Amino acid sequence: MKAMKRRALVLSDEAARHPFRRSLPAHVRLAPLGQEVQQDNALAKLRWKMTGGDWQSFLQAYCASLVAMLVFIA
């Protein structure tokens, strides 16, 4: 005889997607972030934004490594 699986009587929230997030109560996922956390997130977003100088440095390094690899192969 097969053992019956225990199933929850309450439906999970399908919008959570990940199984761990689905298992959390709704009030945990819907809690608003504090003002300090929002300010930290905004500051981090500004720090990670790439500027023109960042793109220029990236392209210079990419082109230099591409030329070096082509010289090595040829």
C-alpha atoms as a PDB file:
ATOM      1  CA  MET A   1       0.000   0.000   0.000  1.00  0.00           C
ATOM      2  CA  LYS A   2       1.344   3.418  -0.935  1.00  0.00           C
ATOM      3  CA  ALA A   3       1.918   5.952   1.790  1.00  0.00           C
ATOM      4  CA  MET A   4      -0.222   9.039   1.326  1.00  0.00           C
ATOM      5  CA  LYS A   5       1.582  12.324   1.039  1.00  0.00           C
ATOM      6  CA  ARG A   6       0.633  15.153   3.346  1.00  0.00           C
ATOM      7  CA  ARG A   7      -0.578  18.150   1.462  1.00  0.00           C
ATOM      8  CA  ALA A   8      -1.186  21.628   2.758  1.00  0.00           C
ATOM      9  CA  LEU A   9      -4.804  22.676   2.961  1.00  0.00           C
ATOM     10  CA  VAL A  10      -3.938  26.265   2.093  1.00  0.00           C
ATOM     11  CA  LEU A  11      -3.053  27.092  -1.486  1.00  0.00           C
ATOM     12  CA  SER A  12       0.331  28.666  -2.012  1.00  0.00           C
ATOM     13  CA  ASP A  13       0.894  31.962  -3.765  1.00  0.00           C
ATOM     14  CA  GLU A  14       1.856  31.174  -7.340  1.00  0.00           C
ATOM     15  CA  ALA A  15       3.155  34.704  -7.925  1.00  0.00           C
ATOM     16  CA  ALA A  16       6.075  33.959  -5.582  1.00  0.00           C
ATOM     17  CA  ARG A  17       7.556  31.536  -8.197  1.00  0.00           C
ATOM     18  CA  HIS A  18      10.449  30.137  -6.139  1.00  0.00           C
ATOM     19  CA  PRO A  19       9.491  27.226  -3.827  1.00  0.00           C
ATOM     20  CA  PHE A  20      11.084  28.855  -0.780  1.00  0.00           C
ATOM     21  CA  ARG A  21       9.296  32.175  -1.341  1.00  0.00           C
ATOM     22  CA  ARG A  22       6.063  30.262  -1.964  1.00  0.00           C
ATOM     23  CA  SER A  23       6.393  28.635   1.440  1.00  0.00           C
ATOM     24  CA  LEU A  24       6.659  31.996   3.255  1.00  0.00           C
ATOM     25  CA  PRO A  25       3.553  33.606   4.741  1.00  0.00           C
ATOM     26  CA  ALA A  26       2.117  36.493   2.757  1.00  0.00           C
ATOM     27  CA  HIS A  27       2.822  39.087   5.443  1.00  0.00           C
ATOM     28  CA  VAL A  28       6.557  38.328   5.281  1.00  0.00           C
ATOM     29  CA  ARG A  29       6.800  38.924   1.535  1.00  0.00           C
ATOM     30  CA  LEU A  30       4.646  42.046   1.541  1.00  0.00           C
ATOM     31  CA  ALA A  31       6.459  43.886   4.329  1.00  0.00           C
ATOM     32  CA  PRO A  32       7.625  47.310   3.054  1.00  0.00           C
ATOM     33  CA  LEU A  33      11.294  48.158   3.147  1.00  0.00           C
ATOM     34  CA  GLY A  34      12.451  50.726   5.654  1.00  0.00           C
ATOM     35  CA  GLN A  35      13.507  54.220   4.620  1.00  0.00           C
ATOM     36  CA  GLU A  36      17.155  53.433   5.364  1.00  0.00           C
ATOM     37  CA  VAL A  37      17.117  50.344   3.151  1.00  0.00           C
ATOM     38  CA  GLN A  38      15.532  52.299   0.300  1.00  0.00           C
ATOM     39  CA  GLN A  39      18.228  54.972   0.562  1.00  0.00           C
ATOM     40  CA  ASP A  40      20.976  52.327   0.569  1.00  0.00           C
ATOM     41  CA  ASN A  41      19.466  50.699  -2.527  1.00  0.00           C
ATOM     42  CA  ALA A  42      19.278  54.037  -4.346  1.00  0.00           C
ATOM     43  CA  LEU A  43      22.896  54.840  -3.475  1.00  0.00           C
ATOM     44  CA  ALA A  44      24.060  51.397  -4.631  1.00  0.00           C
ATOM     45  CA  LYS A  45      22.191  51.828  -7.904  1.00  0.00           C
ATOM     46  CA  LEU A  46      24.016  55.100  -8.546  1.00  0.00           C
ATOM     47  CA  ARG A  47      27.400  53.571  -7.719  1.00  0.00           C
ATOM     48  CA  TRP A  48      26.918  50.639 -10.109  1.00  0.00           C
ATOM     49  CA  LYS A  49      25.847  52.783 -13.058  1.00  0.00           C
ATOM     50  CA  MET A  50      28.501  52.762 -15.782  1.00  0.00           C
ATOM     51  CA  THR A  51      29.631  56.152 -17.033  1.00  0.00           C
ATOM     52  CA  GLY A  52      31.314  57.086 -20.324  1.00  0.00           C
ATOM     53  CA  GLY A  53      34.768  56.678 -18.806  1.00  0.00           C
ATOM     54  CA  ASP A  54      33.915  53.167 -17.634  1.00  0.00           C
ATOM     55  CA  TRP A  55      32.784  52.143 -21.110  1.00  0.00           C
ATOM     56  CA  GLN A  56      35.893  53.653 -22.667  1.00  0.00           C
ATOM     57  CA  SER A  57      38.179  51.719 -20.291  1.00  0.00           C
ATOM     58  CA  PHE A  58      36.263  48.507 -20.934  1.00  0.00           C
ATOM     59  CA  LEU A  59      36.512  48.898 -24.711  1.00  0.00           C
ATOM     60  CA  GLN A  60      40.231  49.708 -24.520  1.00  0.00           C
ATOM     61  CA  ALA A  61      40.913  46.576 -22.463  1.00  0.00           C
ATOM     62  CA  TYR A  62      38.738  44.453 -24.762  1.00  0.00           C
ATOM     63  CA  CYS A  63      40.459  45.708 -27.919  1.00  0.00           C
ATOM     64  CA  ALA A  64      43.930  45.318 -26.406  1.00  0.00           C
ATOM     65  CA  SER A  65      43.234  41.716 -25.377  1.00  0.00           C
ATOM     66  CA  LEU A  66      41.690  40.973 -28.792  1.00  0.00           C
ATOM     67  CA  VAL A  67      44.757  42.348 -30.609  1.00  0.00           C
ATOM     68  CA  ALA A  68      47.112  40.433 -28.307  1.00  0.00           C
ATOM     69  CA  MET A  69      45.211  37.189 -28.904  1.00  0.00           C
ATOM     70  CA  LEU A  70      45.217  37.719 -32.685  1.00  0.00           C
ATOM     71  CA  VAL A  71      48.963  38.431 -32.657  1.00  0.00           C
ATOM     72  CA  PHE A  72      49.543  35.287 -30.586  1.00  0.00           C
ATOM     73  CA  ILE A  73      47.519  33.150 -33.013  1.00  0.00           C
ATOM     74  CA  ALA A  74      49.088  34.625 -36.171  1.00  0.00           C
END
